[in-house]
């Protein structure tokens, strides 16, 4: 799940962590303020498939962030990301399902809903 701010990403992280804790899912948070060590551990866990749900900010868009298998890409507040940023996130997987969210009904959101384009 890609969020535009660290505050929003952290809120999603805590909610998803509590929601999936009974299922023993590993939910991880990657933001720009994470330490270098935390980022390295997180990126390794993502690449090895040890993270079931990844939540983060633009840090998820970095070149060295690899997903073993990205099945669902969620972009929250999608209007806060550029077309190429959303596409870069989606291309980190092999044809993942995509969910774009926003609380602001804007024409681009409606077009994404109708035509299913990143």
N, C-alpha and C. Protein backbone atom coordinates (compact mmCIF):
# COMPACT_ATOMS: atom_id res chain seq x y z
N UNK A 1 0.85 -1.18 0.00
CA UNK A 1 0.00 0.00 0.00
C UNK A 1 0.89 1.23 0.00
N UNK A 2 0.68 2.07 -0.95
CA UNK A 2 1.46 3.28 -1.13
C UNK A 2 0.63 4.47 -0.64
N UNK A 3 1.19 5.25 0.30
CA UNK A 3 0.51 6.42 0.84
C UNK A 3 1.40 7.64 0.65
N UNK A 4 0.81 8.83 0.47
CA UNK A 4 1.60 10.01 0.16
C UNK A 4 2.34 10.63 1.34
N UNK A 5 1.92 10.35 2.57
CA UNK A 5 2.59 10.93 3.73
C UNK A 5 2.94 9.85 4.75
N UNK A 6 3.93 10.15 5.54
CA UNK A 6 4.35 9.20 6.58
C UNK A 6 3.25 9.00 7.62
N UNK A 7 2.52 10.06 7.93
CA UNK A 7 1.44 9.95 8.92
C UNK A 7 0.37 8.99 8.42
N UNK A 8 -0.05 9.14 7.17
CA UNK A 8 -1.08 8.26 6.61
C UNK A 8 -0.57 6.82 6.49
N UNK A 9 0.67 6.66 6.05
CA UNK A 9 1.25 5.32 5.95
C UNK A 9 1.30 4.65 7.32
N UNK A 10 1.67 5.39 8.34
CA UNK A 10 1.74 4.84 9.69
C UNK A 10 0.36 4.45 10.20
N UNK A 11 -0.65 5.27 9.91
CA UNK A 11 -2.02 4.92 10.30
C UNK A 11 -2.46 3.62 9.63
N UNK A 12 -2.19 3.50 8.33
CA UNK A 12 -2.54 2.26 7.62
C UNK A 12 -1.79 1.07 8.21
N UNK A 13 -0.52 1.27 8.50
CA UNK A 13 0.31 0.20 9.06
C UNK A 13 -0.28 -0.31 10.37
N UNK A 14 -0.59 0.57 11.31
CA UNK A 14 -1.12 0.13 12.61
C UNK A 14 -2.49 -0.54 12.45
N UNK A 15 -3.31 -0.02 11.58
CA UNK A 15 -4.62 -0.63 11.37
C UNK A 15 -4.47 -2.04 10.76
N UNK A 16 -3.68 -2.14 9.71
CA UNK A 16 -3.51 -3.44 9.05
C UNK A 16 -2.81 -4.45 9.96
N UNK A 17 -1.86 -3.98 10.73
CA UNK A 17 -1.15 -4.86 11.67
C UNK A 17 -2.13 -5.45 12.68
N UNK A 18 -3.02 -4.61 13.22
CA UNK A 18 -4.00 -5.13 14.19
C UNK A 18 -5.02 -6.03 13.50
N UNK A 19 -5.41 -5.68 12.29
CA UNK A 19 -6.40 -6.46 11.56
C UNK A 19 -5.90 -7.87 11.23
N UNK A 20 -4.64 -7.97 10.83
CA UNK A 20 -4.10 -9.25 10.37
C UNK A 20 -3.24 -9.98 11.40
N UNK A 21 -3.16 -9.47 12.61
CA UNK A 21 -2.31 -10.09 13.63
C UNK A 21 -2.74 -11.52 13.97
N UNK A 22 -4.03 -11.77 13.98
CA UNK A 22 -4.52 -13.12 14.30
C UNK A 22 -4.18 -14.14 13.22
N UNK A 23 -3.93 -13.66 12.03
CA UNK A 23 -3.60 -14.55 10.92
C UNK A 23 -2.09 -14.77 10.80
N UNK A 24 -1.35 -14.15 11.69
CA UNK A 24 0.10 -14.27 11.71
C UNK A 24 0.74 -13.74 10.42
N UNK A 25 0.16 -12.66 9.89
CA UNK A 25 0.71 -12.00 8.71
C UNK A 25 1.78 -11.01 9.15
N UNK A 26 2.82 -10.90 8.37
CA UNK A 26 3.88 -9.94 8.64
C UNK A 26 3.56 -8.66 7.88
N UNK A 27 3.25 -7.59 8.61
CA UNK A 27 2.97 -6.28 8.04
C UNK A 27 4.17 -5.39 8.34
N UNK A 28 4.72 -4.74 7.33
CA UNK A 28 5.90 -3.91 7.52
C UNK A 28 5.67 -2.51 6.98
N UNK A 29 6.40 -1.56 7.55
CA UNK A 29 6.27 -0.15 7.18
C UNK A 29 7.62 0.37 6.69
N UNK A 30 7.63 0.95 5.50
CA UNK A 30 8.85 1.56 4.95
C UNK A 30 8.58 3.02 4.63
N UNK A 31 9.31 3.89 5.31
CA UNK A 31 9.18 5.33 5.07
C UNK A 31 10.58 5.92 4.97
N UNK A 32 10.64 7.15 4.54
CA UNK A 32 11.93 7.82 4.40
C UNK A 32 12.64 8.04 5.73
N UNK A 33 11.91 8.07 6.82
CA UNK A 33 12.54 8.31 8.11
C UNK A 33 13.09 7.05 8.77
N UNK A 34 12.88 5.90 8.16
CA UNK A 34 13.44 4.66 8.71
C UNK A 34 14.97 4.74 8.66
N UNK A 35 15.60 4.10 9.60
CA UNK A 35 17.07 4.09 9.61
C UNK A 35 17.58 3.26 8.44
N UNK A 36 18.83 3.45 8.11
CA UNK A 36 19.43 2.68 7.02
C UNK A 36 19.34 1.18 7.30
N UNK A 37 19.58 0.81 8.55
CA UNK A 37 19.51 -0.61 8.94
C UNK A 37 18.08 -1.14 8.77
N UNK A 38 17.09 -0.36 9.22
CA UNK A 38 15.69 -0.78 9.08
C UNK A 38 15.32 -0.94 7.60
N UNK A 39 15.74 0.01 6.78
CA UNK A 39 15.45 -0.05 5.35
C UNK A 39 16.07 -1.30 4.72
N UNK A 40 17.30 -1.59 5.07
CA UNK A 40 17.99 -2.77 4.53
C UNK A 40 17.26 -4.04 4.92
N UNK A 41 16.88 -4.15 6.19
CA UNK A 41 16.17 -5.34 6.66
C UNK A 41 14.81 -5.48 5.98
N UNK A 42 14.11 -4.38 5.85
CA UNK A 42 12.79 -4.38 5.24
C UNK A 42 12.88 -4.78 3.77
N UNK A 43 13.83 -4.20 3.06
CA UNK A 43 13.98 -4.51 1.64
C UNK A 43 14.35 -5.96 1.42
N UNK A 44 15.19 -6.49 2.28
CA UNK A 44 15.57 -7.91 2.18
C UNK A 44 14.35 -8.80 2.43
N UNK A 45 13.57 -8.46 3.45
CA UNK A 45 12.38 -9.25 3.77
C UNK A 45 11.36 -9.19 2.64
N UNK A 46 11.21 -8.04 2.00
CA UNK A 46 10.31 -7.92 0.85
C UNK A 46 10.76 -8.81 -0.30
N UNK A 47 12.03 -8.73 -0.62
CA UNK A 47 12.57 -9.49 -1.74
C UNK A 47 12.48 -11.00 -1.50
N UNK A 48 12.59 -11.41 -0.24
CA UNK A 48 12.53 -12.83 0.10
C UNK A 48 11.11 -13.33 0.34
N UNK A 49 10.13 -12.43 0.27
CA UNK A 49 8.74 -12.84 0.45
C UNK A 49 8.34 -13.03 1.90
N UNK A 50 9.09 -12.45 2.83
CA UNK A 50 8.79 -12.60 4.25
C UNK A 50 7.75 -11.58 4.74
N UNK A 51 7.47 -10.58 3.92
CA UNK A 51 6.48 -9.57 4.25
C UNK A 51 5.22 -9.87 3.46
N UNK A 52 4.12 -10.01 4.17
CA UNK A 52 2.85 -10.29 3.50
C UNK A 52 2.14 -9.02 3.06
N UNK A 53 2.27 -7.96 3.87
CA UNK A 53 1.63 -6.69 3.56
C UNK A 53 2.64 -5.58 3.77
N UNK A 54 2.94 -4.86 2.71
CA UNK A 54 3.90 -3.76 2.78
C UNK A 54 3.15 -2.44 2.70
N UNK A 55 3.47 -1.56 3.63
CA UNK A 55 2.88 -0.22 3.65
C UNK A 55 4.03 0.77 3.63
N UNK A 56 3.89 1.83 2.84
CA UNK A 56 4.97 2.80 2.84
C UNK A 56 4.64 4.05 2.04
N UNK A 57 5.62 4.93 2.04
CA UNK A 57 5.52 6.19 1.31
C UNK A 57 6.29 6.05 0.01
N UNK A 58 6.76 7.16 -0.51
CA UNK A 58 7.56 7.16 -1.74
C UNK A 58 8.77 6.24 -1.63
N UNK A 59 9.15 5.88 -0.42
CA UNK A 59 10.28 4.97 -0.21
C UNK A 59 10.05 3.63 -0.92
N UNK A 60 8.80 3.23 -1.10
CA UNK A 60 8.49 1.99 -1.82
C UNK A 60 8.82 2.09 -3.31
N UNK A 61 8.98 3.31 -3.80
CA UNK A 61 9.25 3.52 -5.23
C UNK A 61 10.73 3.46 -5.58
N UNK A 62 11.59 3.37 -4.57
CA UNK A 62 13.03 3.35 -4.82
C UNK A 62 13.40 2.14 -5.68
N UNK A 63 14.43 2.32 -6.50
CA UNK A 63 14.85 1.27 -7.44
C UNK A 63 15.18 -0.05 -6.75
N UNK A 64 15.79 0.00 -5.56
CA UNK A 64 16.23 -1.23 -4.91
C UNK A 64 15.15 -1.92 -4.09
N UNK A 65 13.93 -1.43 -4.14
CA UNK A 65 12.81 -2.10 -3.47
C UNK A 65 12.22 -3.10 -4.45
N UNK A 66 12.31 -4.38 -4.08
CA UNK A 66 11.80 -5.46 -4.93
C UNK A 66 10.82 -6.31 -4.13
N UNK A 67 9.74 -6.69 -4.77
CA UNK A 67 8.76 -7.57 -4.16
C UNK A 67 8.95 -8.97 -4.74
N UNK A 68 8.94 -9.98 -3.87
CA UNK A 68 9.00 -11.33 -4.40
C UNK A 68 7.76 -11.60 -5.25
N UNK A 69 6.60 -11.18 -4.74
CA UNK A 69 5.37 -11.32 -5.52
C UNK A 69 4.40 -10.23 -5.07
N UNK A 70 4.20 -9.26 -5.92
CA UNK A 70 3.25 -8.19 -5.65
C UNK A 70 1.94 -8.56 -6.31
N UNK A 71 0.96 -8.97 -5.50
CA UNK A 71 -0.32 -9.42 -6.04
C UNK A 71 -1.38 -8.34 -6.08
N UNK A 72 -1.29 -7.38 -5.14
CA UNK A 72 -2.27 -6.30 -5.06
C UNK A 72 -1.53 -5.01 -4.73
N UNK A 73 -1.64 -4.03 -5.60
CA UNK A 73 -1.02 -2.72 -5.38
C UNK A 73 -2.13 -1.73 -5.05
N UNK A 74 -2.05 -1.15 -3.86
CA UNK A 74 -3.04 -0.17 -3.42
C UNK A 74 -2.36 1.19 -3.33
N UNK A 75 -2.94 2.17 -4.00
CA UNK A 75 -2.41 3.53 -3.96
C UNK A 75 -3.47 4.41 -3.29
N UNK A 76 -3.16 4.87 -2.08
CA UNK A 76 -4.09 5.73 -1.36
C UNK A 76 -3.82 7.18 -1.73
N UNK A 77 -4.86 7.97 -1.78
CA UNK A 77 -4.77 9.37 -2.19
C UNK A 77 -4.03 9.46 -3.52
N UNK A 78 -4.50 8.68 -4.49
CA UNK A 78 -3.80 8.51 -5.77
C UNK A 78 -3.52 9.82 -6.49
N UNK A 79 -4.33 10.83 -6.25
CA UNK A 79 -4.12 12.11 -6.92
C UNK A 79 -2.86 12.82 -6.42
N UNK A 80 -2.28 12.33 -5.33
CA UNK A 80 -1.06 12.94 -4.80
C UNK A 80 0.19 12.34 -5.44
N UNK A 81 0.00 11.36 -6.30
CA UNK A 81 1.12 10.72 -7.01
C UNK A 81 0.98 11.02 -8.50
N UNK A 82 2.10 11.11 -9.16
CA UNK A 82 2.09 11.29 -10.60
C UNK A 82 1.79 9.98 -11.31
N UNK A 83 1.43 10.07 -12.55
CA UNK A 83 1.12 8.89 -13.36
C UNK A 83 2.32 7.94 -13.38
N UNK A 84 3.51 8.49 -13.57
CA UNK A 84 4.70 7.64 -13.66
C UNK A 84 5.04 7.00 -12.31
N UNK A 85 4.76 7.69 -11.22
CA UNK A 85 5.00 7.10 -9.90
C UNK A 85 4.06 5.92 -9.67
N UNK A 86 2.80 6.09 -10.01
CA UNK A 86 1.85 4.99 -9.84
C UNK A 86 2.24 3.81 -10.73
N UNK A 87 2.64 4.12 -11.95
CA UNK A 87 3.04 3.07 -12.88
C UNK A 87 4.29 2.34 -12.39
N UNK A 88 5.23 3.09 -11.86
CA UNK A 88 6.45 2.48 -11.32
C UNK A 88 6.12 1.50 -10.19
N UNK A 89 5.20 1.89 -9.34
CA UNK A 89 4.79 1.03 -8.23
C UNK A 89 4.12 -0.24 -8.76
N UNK A 90 3.22 -0.07 -9.69
CA UNK A 90 2.49 -1.21 -10.24
C UNK A 90 3.42 -2.16 -10.99
N UNK A 91 4.42 -1.62 -11.67
CA UNK A 91 5.35 -2.45 -12.43
C UNK A 91 6.33 -3.23 -11.56
N UNK A 92 6.29 -3.02 -10.26
CA UNK A 92 7.11 -3.81 -9.35
C UNK A 92 6.56 -5.23 -9.21
N UNK A 93 5.39 -5.46 -9.77
CA UNK A 93 4.79 -6.78 -9.77
C UNK A 93 4.51 -7.23 -11.19
N UNK A 94 4.20 -8.52 -11.33
CA UNK A 94 3.84 -9.06 -12.65
C UNK A 94 2.32 -9.08 -12.74
N UNK A 95 1.75 -8.02 -13.29
CA UNK A 95 0.31 -7.89 -13.47
C UNK A 95 -0.48 -7.96 -12.15
N UNK A 96 -0.12 -7.13 -11.16
CA UNK A 96 -0.89 -7.16 -9.91
C UNK A 96 -2.27 -6.53 -10.10
N UNK A 97 -3.20 -6.93 -9.25
CA UNK A 97 -4.46 -6.21 -9.19
C UNK A 97 -4.16 -4.84 -8.62
N UNK A 98 -4.92 -3.83 -9.02
CA UNK A 98 -4.64 -2.45 -8.61
C UNK A 98 -5.90 -1.83 -8.03
N UNK A 99 -5.73 -1.18 -6.87
CA UNK A 99 -6.81 -0.44 -6.24
C UNK A 99 -6.29 0.97 -6.00
N UNK A 100 -6.97 1.96 -6.57
CA UNK A 100 -6.61 3.36 -6.33
C UNK A 100 -7.71 3.97 -5.48
N UNK A 101 -7.28 4.71 -4.46
CA UNK A 101 -8.25 5.28 -3.52
C UNK A 101 -8.04 6.78 -3.40
N UNK A 102 -9.11 7.46 -3.10
CA UNK A 102 -9.04 8.88 -2.80
C UNK A 102 -10.34 9.29 -2.12
N UNK A 103 -10.24 10.29 -1.28
CA UNK A 103 -11.43 10.85 -0.66
C UNK A 103 -11.93 12.05 -1.46
N UNK A 104 -11.19 12.38 -2.51
CA UNK A 104 -11.52 13.54 -3.34
C UNK A 104 -12.00 13.06 -4.71
N UNK A 105 -13.27 13.22 -5.02
CA UNK A 105 -13.76 12.78 -6.34
C UNK A 105 -13.29 13.74 -7.43
N UNK A 106 -12.27 13.33 -8.11
CA UNK A 106 -11.71 14.16 -9.17
C UNK A 106 -11.85 13.42 -10.50
N UNK A 107 -11.83 14.13 -11.61
CA UNK A 107 -12.01 13.48 -12.91
C UNK A 107 -11.02 12.35 -13.17
N UNK A 108 -9.76 12.51 -12.76
CA UNK A 108 -8.78 11.45 -13.00
C UNK A 108 -9.18 10.17 -12.28
N UNK A 109 -9.67 10.29 -11.06
CA UNK A 109 -10.12 9.12 -10.31
C UNK A 109 -11.27 8.43 -11.03
N UNK A 110 -12.20 9.21 -11.52
CA UNK A 110 -13.33 8.63 -12.24
C UNK A 110 -12.86 7.93 -13.51
N UNK A 111 -11.90 8.53 -14.21
CA UNK A 111 -11.36 7.90 -15.42
C UNK A 111 -10.64 6.60 -15.08
N UNK A 112 -9.88 6.59 -13.98
CA UNK A 112 -9.20 5.36 -13.57
C UNK A 112 -10.21 4.26 -13.25
N UNK A 113 -11.30 4.65 -12.64
CA UNK A 113 -12.34 3.69 -12.31
C UNK A 113 -12.98 3.13 -13.57
N UNK A 114 -13.28 3.99 -14.52
CA UNK A 114 -13.94 3.56 -15.74
C UNK A 114 -13.04 2.76 -16.68
N UNK A 115 -11.81 3.23 -16.85
CA UNK A 115 -10.95 2.66 -17.88
C UNK A 115 -9.82 1.79 -17.36
N UNK A 116 -9.71 1.67 -16.04
CA UNK A 116 -8.73 0.80 -15.39
C UNK A 116 -7.30 1.04 -15.86
N UNK A 117 -6.92 2.26 -15.95
CA UNK A 117 -5.56 2.61 -16.35
C UNK A 117 -4.83 3.19 -15.15
N UNK A 118 -3.51 2.92 -15.07
CA UNK A 118 -2.72 3.50 -13.97
C UNK A 118 -2.57 4.96 -14.21
